[in-house]
Amino acid sequence: MDDPTRTLVESAVHGDRAAVDQLLERYMPGLEAFVRLRSGKFLLAKESSSDIVQSVCREVLQDAGDFRYTSEAHFKHWLFTTAMRKIANRYEYYRADKRDPAKEVRIEALASDASSGGEAQLYKTYQTVCGPGEVAAAREQIAVIEEAFAKLPENYRDVILLSRIVGLSAAEIAVQTGRNEGAVRTLLSRALTKLSGALRQSKTGG
C-alpha cells in the first residue's frame, strides 16, 4: 500500500529539501499546538513556543539519518517524543538557571508569536481538541483555550494530546499509557467533557 509519509521521510533522510518542507508543512501545526499546550506557563513565560518548535525540528532533522521508518504512527511518536524531551530539558534548564526577568517573554505576548497564517493553522488544530463552535468563539483569544486546557488534570491533558494532536488511536494510547483500550476511551471522553466545561466557564467569566 502506498504510504506518502514513508516516501517523504525517506527522501528527507537523504537530504531532499522539498520533502523536508512538505513534512514540516504537514506536521508543524500539530507540533506547534502540542508544544503550546504541553509546555505550561512556567516555560512559556521564558521562551516562545515557536523557538521550542524550531529547536525540535532541528533535532529531528539532525537525527533523521538514524530513524528507521515503520509507519506514520511510529514517525509521529518519534516526532512528539522529541518534543516532549525538548520541553523537559528546557523546563529543567530554566528551573536550574535564574534568568534575568527583564529578558523573559511576557505571557500576554504569547498569542502574537505566530504569524497570521500560523494562527489560522493553530485555530484549525485546536478545532480538533475543542470542537468548531468553541474554537470559533475563541478565535481572538487563543489564550482562553490554553488557559482552560492548563486547568485539566495531567492525565486528561495527556490523553487529549495523544488522541487529538498526536493522532494516536485508543489502542495505541493504551500501549503508551499502560491502560486498556476501554479505559482510554472513558478517560478521553471525561477529559473532553471537562475541557468543554472549562471553556464555557472561561467565556462566562466564571
C-alpha atoms as a PDB file:
ATOM      1  CA  MET A   1       0.000   0.000   0.000  1.00  0.00           C
ATOM      2  CA  ASP A   2       1.268   3.437  -0.901  1.00  0.00           C
ATOM      3  CA  ASP A   3       2.476   5.434   2.124  1.00  0.00           C
ATOM      4  CA  PRO A   4       3.186   9.086   1.219  1.00  0.00           C
ATOM      5  CA  THR A   5       4.642   9.801   4.664  1.00  0.00           C
ATOM      6  CA  ARG A   6       7.182   6.992   4.231  1.00  0.00           C
ATOM      7  CA  THR A   7       8.188   8.440   0.867  1.00  0.00           C
ATOM      8  CA  LEU A   8       8.627  11.925   2.333  1.00  0.00           C
ATOM      9  CA  VAL A   9      10.571  10.717   5.379  1.00  0.00           C
ATOM     10  CA  GLU A  10      12.901   8.546   3.321  1.00  0.00           C
ATOM     11  CA  SER A  11      13.509  11.408   0.881  1.00  0.00           C
ATOM     12  CA  ALA A  12      14.100  13.842   3.746  1.00  0.00           C
ATOM     13  CA  VAL A  13      16.609  11.461   5.319  1.00  0.00           C
ATOM     14  CA  HIS A  14      18.566  11.575   2.061  1.00  0.00           C
ATOM     15  CA  GLY A  15      18.654  15.371   2.033  1.00  0.00           C
ATOM     16  CA  ASP A  16      15.664  16.192  -0.162  1.00  0.00           C
ATOM     17  CA  ARG A  17      14.820  19.739   0.925  1.00  0.00           C
ATOM     18  CA  ALA A  18      11.420  19.704  -0.790  1.00  0.00           C
ATOM     19  CA  ALA A  19      10.486  16.586   1.192  1.00  0.00           C
ATOM     20  CA  VAL A  20      11.617  18.279   4.411  1.00  0.00           C
ATOM     21  CA  ASP A  21       9.456  21.293   3.604  1.00  0.00           C
ATOM     22  CA  GLN A  22       6.426  19.075   2.917  1.00  0.00           C
ATOM     23  CA  LEU A  23       6.902  17.214   6.196  1.00  0.00           C
ATOM     24  CA  LEU A  24       7.134  20.476   8.109  1.00  0.00           C
ATOM     25  CA  GLU A  25       4.021  21.810   6.380  1.00  0.00           C
ATOM     26  CA  ARG A  26       2.132  18.633   7.274  1.00  0.00           C
ATOM     27  CA  TYR A  27       3.192  18.267  10.913  1.00  0.00           C
ATOM     28  CA  MET A  28       4.159  21.772  12.060  1.00  0.00           C
ATOM     29  CA  PRO A  29       0.616  22.901  13.071  1.00  0.00           C
ATOM     30  CA  GLY A  30       0.156  19.860  15.308  1.00  0.00           C
ATOM     31  CA  LEU A  31       3.646  20.233  16.728  1.00  0.00           C
ATOM     32  CA  GLU A  32       3.063  23.925  17.475  1.00  0.00           C
ATOM     33  CA  ALA A  33      -0.233  23.133  19.225  1.00  0.00           C
ATOM     34  CA  PHE A  34       1.350  20.262  21.151  1.00  0.00           C
ATOM     35  CA  VAL A  35       4.211  22.450  22.394  1.00  0.00           C
ATOM     36  CA  ARG A  36       1.944  25.338  23.384  1.00  0.00           C
ATOM     37  CA  LEU A  37      -0.486  23.108  25.260  1.00  0.00           C
ATOM     38  CA  ARG A  38       2.124  20.875  26.913  1.00  0.00           C
ATOM     39  CA  SER A  39       4.770  23.409  27.937  1.00  0.00           C
ATOM     40  CA  GLY A  40       2.786  25.238  30.599  1.00  0.00           C
ATOM     41  CA  LYS A  41       3.004  28.845  31.777  1.00  0.00           C
ATOM     42  CA  PHE A  42       6.321  28.416  33.547  1.00  0.00           C
ATOM     43  CA  LEU A  43       8.200  27.557  30.372  1.00  0.00           C
ATOM     44  CA  LEU A  44       6.188  29.763  28.013  1.00  0.00           C
ATOM     45  CA  ALA A  45       6.824  32.746  30.262  1.00  0.00           C
ATOM     46  CA  LYS A  46      10.507  32.335  29.478  1.00  0.00           C
ATOM     47  CA  GLU A  47      10.676  31.063  25.907  1.00  0.00           C
ATOM     48  CA  SER A  48       8.316  31.309  22.944  1.00  0.00           C
ATOM     49  CA  SER A  49       6.671  28.152  21.656  1.00  0.00           C
ATOM     50  CA  SER A  50       7.987  28.892  18.157  1.00  0.00           C
ATOM     51  CA  ASP A  51      11.581  28.759  19.458  1.00  0.00           C
ATOM     52  CA  ILE A  52      10.932  25.378  21.071  1.00  0.00           C
ATOM     53  CA  VAL A  53       9.295  24.052  17.900  1.00  0.00           C
ATOM     54  CA  GLN A  54      12.243  25.213  15.771  1.00  0.00           C
ATOM     55  CA  SER A  55      14.613  23.505  18.199  1.00  0.00           C
ATOM     56  CA  VAL A  56      12.614  20.278  17.933  1.00  0.00           C
ATOM     57  CA  CYS A  57      12.703  20.454  14.130  1.00  0.00           C
ATOM     58  CA  ARG A  58      16.467  20.983  14.121  1.00  0.00           C
ATOM     59  CA  GLU A  59      16.964  17.974  16.372  1.00  0.00           C
ATOM     60  CA  VAL A  60      14.667  15.801  14.276  1.00  0.00           C
ATOM     61  CA  LEU A  61      16.499  16.739  11.078  1.00  0.00           C
ATOM     62  CA  GLN A  62      19.884  16.145  12.704  1.00  0.00           C
ATOM     63  CA  ASP A  63      18.829  12.674  13.854  1.00  0.00           C
ATOM     64  CA  ALA A  64      16.882  11.775  10.716  1.00  0.00           C
ATOM     65  CA  GLY A  65      19.668   9.558   9.412  1.00  0.00           C
ATOM     66  CA  ASP A  66      19.263   7.253  12.421  1.00  0.00           C
ATOM     67  CA  PHE A  67      15.490   6.960  12.106  1.00  0.00           C
ATOM     68  CA  ARG A  68      14.043   3.780  10.618  1.00  0.00           C
ATOM     69  CA  TYR A  69      10.502   4.358   9.360  1.00  0.00           C
ATOM     70  CA  THR A  70       7.927   1.628  10.021  1.00  0.00           C
ATOM     71  CA  SER A  71       4.634   3.565   9.962  1.00  0.00           C
ATOM     72  CA  GLU A  72       3.207   7.066  10.194  1.00  0.00           C
ATOM     73  CA  ALA A  73       2.238   6.355  13.822  1.00  0.00           C
ATOM     74  CA  HIS A  74       5.868   5.439  14.520  1.00  0.00           C
ATOM     75  CA  PHE A  75       7.080   8.653  12.874  1.00  0.00           C
ATOM     76  CA  LYS A  76       4.611  10.807  14.838  1.00  0.00           C
ATOM     77  CA  HIS A  77       5.603   9.068  18.057  1.00  0.00           C
ATOM     78  CA  TRP A  78       9.259   9.881  17.315  1.00  0.00           C
ATOM     79  CA  LEU A  79       8.424  13.491  16.475  1.00  0.00           C
ATOM     80  CA  PHE A  80       6.310  14.170  19.550  1.00  0.00           C
ATOM     81  CA  THR A  81       8.622  12.229  21.863  1.00  0.00           C
ATOM     82  CA  THR A  82      11.393  14.550  20.686  1.00  0.00           C
ATOM     83  CA  ALA A  83       9.142  17.498  21.518  1.00  0.00           C
ATOM     84  CA  MET A  84       8.420  16.121  24.990  1.00  0.00           C
ATOM     85  CA  ARG A  85      12.133  15.631  25.648  1.00  0.00           C
ATOM     86  CA  LYS A  86      12.883  19.165  24.464  1.00  0.00           C
ATOM     87  CA  ILE A  87      10.167  20.601  26.714  1.00  0.00           C
ATOM     88  CA  ALA A  88      11.505  18.645  29.714  1.00  0.00           C
ATOM     89  CA  ASN A  89      15.073  19.768  29.003  1.00  0.00           C
ATOM     90  CA  ARG A  90      14.103  23.440  28.690  1.00  0.00           C
ATOM     91  CA  TYR A  91      11.994  23.226  31.832  1.00  0.00           C
ATOM     92  CA  GLU A  92      14.923  21.824  33.821  1.00  0.00           C
ATOM     93  CA  TYR A  93      17.250  24.438  32.346  1.00  0.00           C
ATOM     94  CA  TYR A  94      15.098  27.334  33.469  1.00  0.00           C
ATOM     95  CA  ARG A  95      14.441  25.740  36.854  1.00  0.00           C
ATOM     96  CA  ALA A  96      18.192  25.427  37.462  1.00  0.00           C
ATOM     97  CA  ASP A  97      19.253  28.759  35.992  1.00  0.00           C
ATOM     98  CA  LYS A  98      17.990  32.016  37.476  1.00  0.00           C
ATOM     99  CA  ARG A  99      17.402  34.063  34.351  1.00  0.00           C
ATOM    100  CA  ASP A 100      17.111  37.826  34.199  1.00  0.00           C
ATOM    101  CA  PRO A 101      13.346  38.557  34.452  1.00  0.00           C
ATOM    102  CA  ALA A 102      13.776  41.518  32.096  1.00  0.00           C
ATOM    103  CA  LYS A 103      14.693  39.092  29.320  1.00  0.00           C
ATOM    104  CA  GLU A 104      11.723  36.801  29.820  1.00  0.00           C
ATOM    105  CA  VAL A 105       8.822  36.713  27.375  1.00  0.00           C
ATOM    106  CA  ARG A 106       5.635  38.154  28.865  1.00  0.00           C
ATOM    107  CA  ILE A 107       2.744  35.675  28.874  1.00  0.00           C
ATOM    108  CA  GLU A 108       0.415  38.309  27.430  1.00  0.00           C
ATOM    109  CA  ALA A 109       2.586  38.483  24.306  1.00  0.00           C
ATOM    110  CA  LEU A 110       2.477  34.754  23.549  1.00  0.00           C
ATOM    111  CA  ALA A 111      -0.605  34.932  21.336  1.00  0.00           C
ATOM    112  CA  SER A 112       1.294  37.170  18.932  1.00  0.00           C
ATOM    113  CA  ASP A 113       4.156  34.661  18.432  1.00  0.00           C
ATOM    114  CA  ALA A 114       2.690  33.199  15.286  1.00  0.00           C
ATOM    115  CA  SER A 115       2.131  34.939  12.006  1.00  0.00           C
ATOM    116  CA  SER A 116      -1.437  35.380  10.812  1.00  0.00           C
ATOM    117  CA  GLY A 117      -1.049  32.239   8.714  1.00  0.00           C
ATOM    118  CA  GLY A 118       0.357  30.372  11.699  1.00  0.00           C
ATOM    119  CA  GLU A 119      -2.576  31.489  13.840  1.00  0.00           C
ATOM    120  CA  ALA A 120      -5.016  30.170  11.260  1.00  0.00           C
ATOM    121  CA  GLN A 121      -3.316  26.779  11.378  1.00  0.00           C
ATOM    122  CA  LEU A 122      -3.305  26.858  15.175  1.00  0.00           C
ATOM    123  CA  TYR A 123      -7.062  27.548  15.245  1.00  0.00           C
ATOM    124  CA  LYS A 124      -7.612  24.641  12.868  1.00  0.00           C
ATOM    125  CA  THR A 125      -5.585  22.311  15.072  1.00  0.00           C
ATOM    126  CA  TYR A 126      -7.336  23.461  18.246  1.00  0.00           C
ATOM    127  CA  GLN A 127     -10.603  22.707  16.476  1.00  0.00           C
ATOM    128  CA  THR A 128      -9.766  19.005  16.761  1.00  0.00           C
ATOM    129  CA  VAL A 129      -9.483  19.445  20.535  1.00  0.00           C
ATOM    130  CA  CYS A 130     -12.367  21.779  21.376  1.00  0.00           C
ATOM    131  CA  GLY A 131     -14.910  21.476  18.591  1.00  0.00           C
ATOM    132  CA  PRO A 132     -15.720  24.032  15.842  1.00  0.00           C
ATOM    133  CA  GLY A 133     -18.166  26.157  17.850  1.00  0.00           C
ATOM    134  CA  GLU A 134     -15.872  26.524  20.819  1.00  0.00           C
ATOM    135  CA  VAL A 135     -12.892  27.485  18.685  1.00  0.00           C
ATOM    136  CA  ALA A 136     -14.910  29.997  16.663  1.00  0.00           C
ATOM    137  CA  ALA A 137     -15.983  31.705  19.876  1.00  0.00           C
ATOM    138  CA  ALA A 138     -12.358  31.992  20.939  1.00  0.00           C
ATOM    139  CA  ARG A 139     -10.760  32.980  17.614  1.00  0.00           C
ATOM    140  CA  GLU A 140      -9.426  36.248  19.003  1.00  0.00           C
ATOM    141  CA  GLN A 141      -8.314  34.760  22.307  1.00  0.00           C
ATOM    142  CA  ILE A 142      -6.147  31.684  21.880  1.00  0.00           C
ATOM    143  CA  ALA A 143      -5.101  32.126  25.493  1.00  0.00           C
ATOM    144  CA  VAL A 144      -8.638  31.219  26.616  1.00  0.00           C
ATOM    145  CA  ILE A 145      -8.286  27.727  25.164  1.00  0.00           C
ATOM    146  CA  GLU A 146      -4.796  27.292  26.557  1.00  0.00           C
ATOM    147  CA  GLU A 147      -5.877  28.527  29.987  1.00  0.00           C
ATOM    148  CA  ALA A 148      -8.784  26.076  30.057  1.00  0.00           C
ATOM    149  CA  PHE A 149      -6.518  23.237  28.949  1.00  0.00           C
ATOM    150  CA  ALA A 150      -3.984  24.072  31.666  1.00  0.00           C
ATOM    151  CA  LYS A 151      -6.673  23.634  34.339  1.00  0.00           C
ATOM    152  CA  LEU A 152      -7.178  19.968  33.442  1.00  0.00           C
ATOM    153  CA  PRO A 153      -5.544  17.173  35.440  1.00  0.00           C
ATOM    154  CA  GLU A 154      -2.339  15.912  33.831  1.00  0.00           C
ATOM    155  CA  ASN A 155      -3.827  12.569  32.765  1.00  0.00           C
ATOM    156  CA  TYR A 156      -6.643  14.441  30.990  1.00  0.00           C
ATOM    157  CA  ARG A 157      -4.189  16.727  29.203  1.00  0.00           C
ATOM    158  CA  ASP A 158      -2.043  13.796  28.130  1.00  0.00           C
ATOM    159  CA  VAL A 159      -4.871  11.697  26.690  1.00  0.00           C
ATOM    160  CA  ILE A 160      -6.276  14.673  24.747  1.00  0.00           C
ATOM    161  CA  LEU A 161      -2.871  15.481  23.277  1.00  0.00           C
ATOM    162  CA  LEU A 162      -2.167  11.864  22.343  1.00  0.00           C
ATOM    163  CA  SER A 163      -5.575  11.439  20.720  1.00  0.00           C
ATOM    164  CA  ARG A 164      -6.378  14.795  19.112  1.00  0.00           C
ATOM    165  CA  ILE A 165      -2.949  16.301  18.450  1.00  0.00           C
ATOM    166  CA  VAL A 166      -0.587  13.339  18.009  1.00  0.00           C
ATOM    167  CA  GLY A 167      -3.406  11.362  16.370  1.00  0.00           C
ATOM    168  CA  LEU A 168      -2.961   8.022  18.122  1.00  0.00           C
ATOM    169  CA  SER A 169      -5.811   5.534  18.298  1.00  0.00           C
ATOM    170  CA  ALA A 170      -7.251   4.356  21.602  1.00  0.00           C
ATOM    171  CA  ALA A 171      -5.336   1.092  21.186  1.00  0.00           C
ATOM    172  CA  GLU A 172      -2.062   2.947  20.590  1.00  0.00           C
ATOM    173  CA  ILE A 173      -2.670   5.222  23.583  1.00  0.00           C
ATOM    174  CA  ALA A 174      -3.379   2.149  25.693  1.00  0.00           C
ATOM    175  CA  VAL A 175       0.077   0.806  24.820  1.00  0.00           C
ATOM    176  CA  GLN A 176       1.684   4.181  25.579  1.00  0.00           C
ATOM    177  CA  THR A 177      -0.030   4.653  28.935  1.00  0.00           C
ATOM    178  CA  GLY A 178      -0.372   1.110  30.242  1.00  0.00           C
ATOM    179  CA  ARG A 179      -4.187   1.243  30.270  1.00  0.00           C
ATOM    180  CA  ASN A 180      -6.655  -0.969  28.455  1.00  0.00           C
ATOM    181  CA  GLU A 181      -8.433   0.399  25.408  1.00  0.00           C
ATOM    182  CA  GLY A 182     -11.778   0.791  27.145  1.00  0.00           C
ATOM    183  CA  ALA A 183     -10.192   2.789  29.961  1.00  0.00           C
ATOM    184  CA  VAL A 184      -8.555   5.089  27.403  1.00  0.00           C
ATOM    185  CA  ARG A 185     -11.870   5.763  25.669  1.00  0.00           C
ATOM    186  CA  THR A 186     -13.545   6.549  29.005  1.00  0.00           C
ATOM    187  CA  LEU A 187     -10.670   8.799  30.087  1.00  0.00           C
ATOM    188  CA  LEU A 188     -10.737  10.688  26.784  1.00  0.00           C
ATOM    189  CA  SER A 189     -14.500  11.215  26.973  1.00  0.00           C
ATOM    190  CA  ARG A 190     -14.224  12.584  30.507  1.00  0.00           C
ATOM    191  CA  ALA A 191     -11.265  14.768  29.566  1.00  0.00           C
ATOM    192  CA  LEU A 192     -13.058  16.345  26.605  1.00  0.00           C
ATOM    193  CA  THR A 193     -16.183  16.931  28.695  1.00  0.00           C
ATOM    194  CA  LYS A 194     -14.084  18.589  31.393  1.00  0.00           C
ATOM    195  CA  LEU A 195     -12.326  20.785  28.820  1.00  0.00           C
ATOM    196  CA  SER A 196     -15.646  21.817  27.271  1.00  0.00           C
ATOM    197  CA  GLY A 197     -16.925  22.807  30.704  1.00  0.00           C
ATOM    198  CA  ALA A 198     -13.767  24.779  31.457  1.00  0.00           C
ATOM    199  CA  LEU A 199     -14.122  26.657  28.167  1.00  0.00           C
ATOM    200  CA  ARG A 200     -17.762  27.529  28.874  1.00  0.00           C
ATOM    201  CA  GLN A 201     -16.779  28.734  32.323  1.00  0.00           C
ATOM    202  CA  SER A 202     -13.993  30.901  30.869  1.00  0.00           C
ATOM    203  CA  LYS A 203     -16.377  32.502  28.369  1.00  0.00           C
ATOM    204  CA  THR A 204     -18.899  33.383  31.051  1.00  0.00           C
ATOM    205  CA  GLY A 205     -16.217  34.751  33.329  1.00  0.00           C
ATOM    206  CA  GLY A 206     -16.768  32.047  35.926  1.00  0.00           C
END
